[in-house]
Amino acid sequence: MDIDEEKCTLTVLGPVDPVKIVHRLKKKCFAAAVVSVEDDKPKEPDPPAPEKKKEDDDDPCQCQCKEAECACVKD
């Protein structure tokens, strides 16, 4: 809980009901209004994008070698 006297604001973090806080402040003869309510949960990361398949399927060499000595590279 943080009180800023210059701005006349009260900052409360955590699982609290803002309506109950305003009600209790008004009960104690304070003017109260909710300025903002934010969710402080961390954002979930986006799921990874599916990997793209290679389109080099017309290459007869499946061992990815390009040497002339390879058994699969015979011209």
N, C-alpha and C. Protein backbone atom coordinates (compact mmCIF):
# COMPACT_ATOMS: atom_id res chain seq x y z
N MET A 1 0.85 -1.15 0.00
CA MET A 1 0.00 0.00 0.00
C MET A 1 0.91 1.23 0.00
N ASP A 2 0.60 2.18 -0.86
CA ASP A 2 1.41 3.39 -1.01
C ASP A 2 0.48 4.60 -1.05
N ILE A 3 0.80 5.60 -0.24
CA ILE A 3 0.01 6.83 -0.20
C ILE A 3 0.84 7.96 -0.79
N ASP A 4 0.32 8.61 -1.81
CA ASP A 4 0.97 9.77 -2.42
C ASP A 4 0.19 11.01 -2.00
N GLU A 5 0.77 11.78 -1.08
CA GLU A 5 0.08 12.96 -0.55
C GLU A 5 -0.03 14.08 -1.57
N GLU A 6 0.95 14.20 -2.47
CA GLU A 6 0.91 15.26 -3.48
C GLU A 6 -0.27 15.06 -4.44
N LYS A 7 -0.46 13.83 -4.87
CA LYS A 7 -1.53 13.53 -5.82
C LYS A 7 -2.82 13.11 -5.12
N CYS A 8 -2.74 12.95 -3.81
CA CYS A 8 -3.89 12.47 -3.01
C CYS A 8 -4.41 11.13 -3.53
N THR A 9 -3.47 10.19 -3.70
CA THR A 9 -3.85 8.87 -4.18
C THR A 9 -3.36 7.79 -3.23
N LEU A 10 -4.06 6.71 -3.23
CA LEU A 10 -3.71 5.52 -2.47
C LEU A 10 -3.55 4.39 -3.48
N THR A 11 -2.38 3.76 -3.48
CA THR A 11 -2.10 2.65 -4.40
C THR A 11 -2.07 1.36 -3.59
N VAL A 12 -2.89 0.42 -3.98
CA VAL A 12 -2.97 -0.87 -3.29
C VAL A 12 -2.67 -1.95 -4.30
N LEU A 13 -1.74 -2.85 -3.95
CA LEU A 13 -1.39 -3.97 -4.81
C LEU A 13 -1.83 -5.26 -4.13
N GLY A 14 -2.24 -6.20 -4.93
CA GLY A 14 -2.61 -7.50 -4.39
C GLY A 14 -4.07 -7.82 -4.64
N PRO A 15 -4.48 -8.97 -4.14
CA PRO A 15 -5.86 -9.43 -4.36
C PRO A 15 -6.84 -8.74 -3.40
N VAL A 16 -7.25 -7.55 -3.73
CA VAL A 16 -8.20 -6.80 -2.90
C VAL A 16 -9.40 -6.38 -3.74
N ASP A 17 -10.48 -6.11 -3.07
CA ASP A 17 -11.70 -5.66 -3.73
C ASP A 17 -11.73 -4.13 -3.70
N PRO A 18 -11.60 -3.47 -4.85
CA PRO A 18 -11.57 -2.00 -4.85
C PRO A 18 -12.87 -1.38 -4.32
N VAL A 19 -13.98 -2.06 -4.48
CA VAL A 19 -15.25 -1.53 -3.99
C VAL A 19 -15.25 -1.48 -2.46
N LYS A 20 -14.69 -2.51 -1.83
CA LYS A 20 -14.62 -2.53 -0.36
C LYS A 20 -13.71 -1.42 0.17
N ILE A 21 -12.61 -1.18 -0.52
CA ILE A 21 -11.69 -0.12 -0.10
C ILE A 21 -12.38 1.24 -0.19
N VAL A 22 -13.06 1.50 -1.29
CA VAL A 22 -13.76 2.78 -1.46
C VAL A 22 -14.85 2.92 -0.40
N HIS A 23 -15.56 1.85 -0.14
CA HIS A 23 -16.64 1.88 0.86
C HIS A 23 -16.08 2.24 2.24
N ARG A 24 -14.97 1.61 2.62
CA ARG A 24 -14.39 1.89 3.94
C ARG A 24 -13.81 3.30 4.03
N LEU A 25 -13.23 3.78 2.94
CA LEU A 25 -12.71 5.16 2.96
C LEU A 25 -13.85 6.17 3.08
N LYS A 26 -14.93 5.93 2.37
CA LYS A 26 -16.09 6.83 2.45
C LYS A 26 -16.73 6.79 3.83
N LYS A 27 -16.67 5.62 4.46
CA LYS A 27 -17.24 5.46 5.80
C LYS A 27 -16.45 6.30 6.82
N LYS A 28 -15.15 6.49 6.57
CA LYS A 28 -14.31 7.29 7.47
C LYS A 28 -14.31 8.77 7.08
N CYS A 29 -15.25 9.19 6.26
CA CYS A 29 -15.42 10.59 5.83
C CYS A 29 -14.35 11.07 4.86
N PHE A 30 -13.87 10.19 4.01
CA PHE A 30 -12.94 10.57 2.95
C PHE A 30 -13.65 10.46 1.61
N ALA A 31 -13.36 11.39 0.74
CA ALA A 31 -13.86 11.28 -0.63
C ALA A 31 -12.99 10.25 -1.34
N ALA A 32 -13.60 9.29 -1.99
CA ALA A 32 -12.83 8.23 -2.63
C ALA A 32 -13.43 7.89 -3.98
N ALA A 33 -12.55 7.60 -4.91
CA ALA A 33 -12.96 7.17 -6.25
C ALA A 33 -11.88 6.25 -6.80
N VAL A 34 -12.30 5.24 -7.53
CA VAL A 34 -11.35 4.31 -8.14
C VAL A 34 -10.85 4.95 -9.43
N VAL A 35 -9.52 5.09 -9.53
CA VAL A 35 -8.91 5.69 -10.72
C VAL A 35 -8.66 4.62 -11.77
N SER A 36 -8.05 3.51 -11.35
CA SER A 36 -7.79 2.43 -12.30
C SER A 36 -7.63 1.12 -11.55
N VAL A 37 -7.94 0.04 -12.25
CA VAL A 37 -7.77 -1.31 -11.73
C VAL A 37 -7.02 -2.07 -12.80
N GLU A 38 -5.89 -2.66 -12.41
CA GLU A 38 -5.07 -3.40 -13.37
C GLU A 38 -4.83 -4.81 -12.86
N ASP A 39 -4.65 -5.72 -13.79
CA ASP A 39 -4.32 -7.09 -13.47
C ASP A 39 -2.81 -7.19 -13.44
N ASP A 40 -2.24 -7.61 -12.32
CA ASP A 40 -0.79 -7.65 -12.21
C ASP A 40 -0.21 -9.03 -12.49
N LYS A 41 -1.00 -9.91 -13.09
CA LYS A 41 -0.50 -11.23 -13.45
C LYS A 41 0.44 -11.10 -14.65
N PRO A 42 1.50 -11.90 -14.67
CA PRO A 42 2.39 -11.84 -15.84
C PRO A 42 1.68 -12.37 -17.08
N LYS A 43 1.97 -11.77 -18.20
CA LYS A 43 1.35 -12.20 -19.45
C LYS A 43 1.95 -13.53 -19.88
N GLU A 44 1.10 -14.38 -20.41
CA GLU A 44 1.57 -15.67 -20.90
C GLU A 44 2.28 -15.47 -22.23
N PRO A 45 3.42 -16.13 -22.41
CA PRO A 45 4.12 -15.98 -23.69
C PRO A 45 3.32 -16.61 -24.82
N ASP A 46 3.48 -16.05 -26.00
CA ASP A 46 2.80 -16.59 -27.17
C ASP A 46 3.35 -17.98 -27.48
N PRO A 47 2.50 -18.90 -27.92
CA PRO A 47 3.01 -20.22 -28.28
C PRO A 47 3.95 -20.10 -29.48
N PRO A 48 4.97 -20.94 -29.51
CA PRO A 48 5.91 -20.85 -30.63
C PRO A 48 5.23 -21.17 -31.95
N ALA A 49 5.67 -20.48 -32.97
CA ALA A 49 5.11 -20.69 -34.31
C ALA A 49 5.55 -22.06 -34.83
N PRO A 50 4.69 -22.76 -35.55
CA PRO A 50 5.09 -24.06 -36.09
C PRO A 50 6.23 -23.88 -37.10
N GLU A 51 7.14 -24.83 -37.05
CA GLU A 51 8.30 -24.75 -37.94
C GLU A 51 7.87 -25.02 -39.38
N LYS A 52 8.47 -24.28 -40.28
CA LYS A 52 8.18 -24.48 -41.70
C LYS A 52 9.00 -25.65 -42.21
N LYS A 53 8.37 -26.45 -43.04
CA LYS A 53 9.07 -27.58 -43.62
C LYS A 53 9.91 -27.10 -44.79
N LYS A 54 11.04 -27.75 -44.96
CA LYS A 54 11.91 -27.41 -46.08
C LYS A 54 11.27 -27.88 -47.38
N GLU A 55 11.46 -27.10 -48.41
CA GLU A 55 10.90 -27.45 -49.71
C GLU A 55 11.97 -28.01 -50.66
N ASP A 56 13.06 -28.50 -50.10
CA ASP A 56 14.15 -29.06 -50.91
C ASP A 56 14.00 -30.57 -51.02
N ASP A 57 12.79 -31.06 -51.21
CA ASP A 57 12.56 -32.49 -51.28
C ASP A 57 12.98 -33.09 -52.62
N ASP A 58 13.25 -32.25 -53.65
CA ASP A 58 13.66 -32.82 -54.94
C ASP A 58 15.14 -33.18 -54.94
N ASP A 59 15.86 -32.95 -53.88
CA ASP A 59 17.27 -33.31 -53.79
C ASP A 59 17.35 -34.81 -53.49
N PRO A 60 17.98 -35.61 -54.36
CA PRO A 60 18.04 -37.06 -54.13
C PRO A 60 18.97 -37.43 -52.98
N CYS A 61 19.84 -36.55 -52.60
CA CYS A 61 20.79 -36.84 -51.52
C CYS A 61 20.10 -36.62 -50.18
N GLN A 62 19.88 -37.67 -49.44
CA GLN A 62 19.22 -37.56 -48.14
C GLN A 62 20.22 -37.38 -47.00
N CYS A 63 21.50 -37.56 -47.26
CA CYS A 63 22.49 -37.42 -46.20
C CYS A 63 23.06 -36.01 -46.13
N GLN A 64 22.57 -35.10 -46.93
CA GLN A 64 22.94 -33.68 -46.93
C GLN A 64 24.42 -33.45 -47.27
N CYS A 65 25.05 -34.39 -47.91
CA CYS A 65 26.44 -34.18 -48.31
C CYS A 65 26.47 -33.80 -49.79
N LYS A 66 27.43 -33.03 -50.16
CA LYS A 66 27.54 -32.58 -51.55
C LYS A 66 28.90 -32.95 -52.13
N GLU A 67 29.55 -33.89 -51.51
CA GLU A 67 30.86 -34.30 -52.00
C GLU A 67 30.71 -35.28 -53.17
N ALA A 68 31.69 -35.29 -54.04
CA ALA A 68 31.65 -36.17 -55.20
C ALA A 68 31.88 -37.63 -54.80
N GLU A 69 32.47 -37.87 -53.63
CA GLU A 69 32.76 -39.23 -53.19
C GLU A 69 31.56 -39.92 -52.56
N CYS A 70 30.50 -39.20 -52.30
CA CYS A 70 29.33 -39.78 -51.65
C CYS A 70 28.65 -40.77 -52.61
N ALA A 71 28.13 -41.83 -52.06
CA ALA A 71 27.48 -42.86 -52.86
C ALA A 71 26.17 -42.37 -53.47
N CYS A 72 25.56 -41.40 -52.86
CA CYS A 72 24.27 -40.93 -53.38
C CYS A 72 24.44 -39.84 -54.42
N VAL A 73 25.64 -39.30 -54.59
CA VAL A 73 25.87 -38.27 -55.60
C VAL A 73 26.69 -38.91 -56.72
N LYS A 74 26.01 -39.52 -57.66
CA LYS A 74 26.67 -40.13 -58.82
C LYS A 74 25.99 -39.62 -60.06
N ASP A 75 26.74 -39.01 -60.90
CA ASP A 75 26.18 -38.45 -62.13
C ASP A 75 26.37 -39.38 -63.29
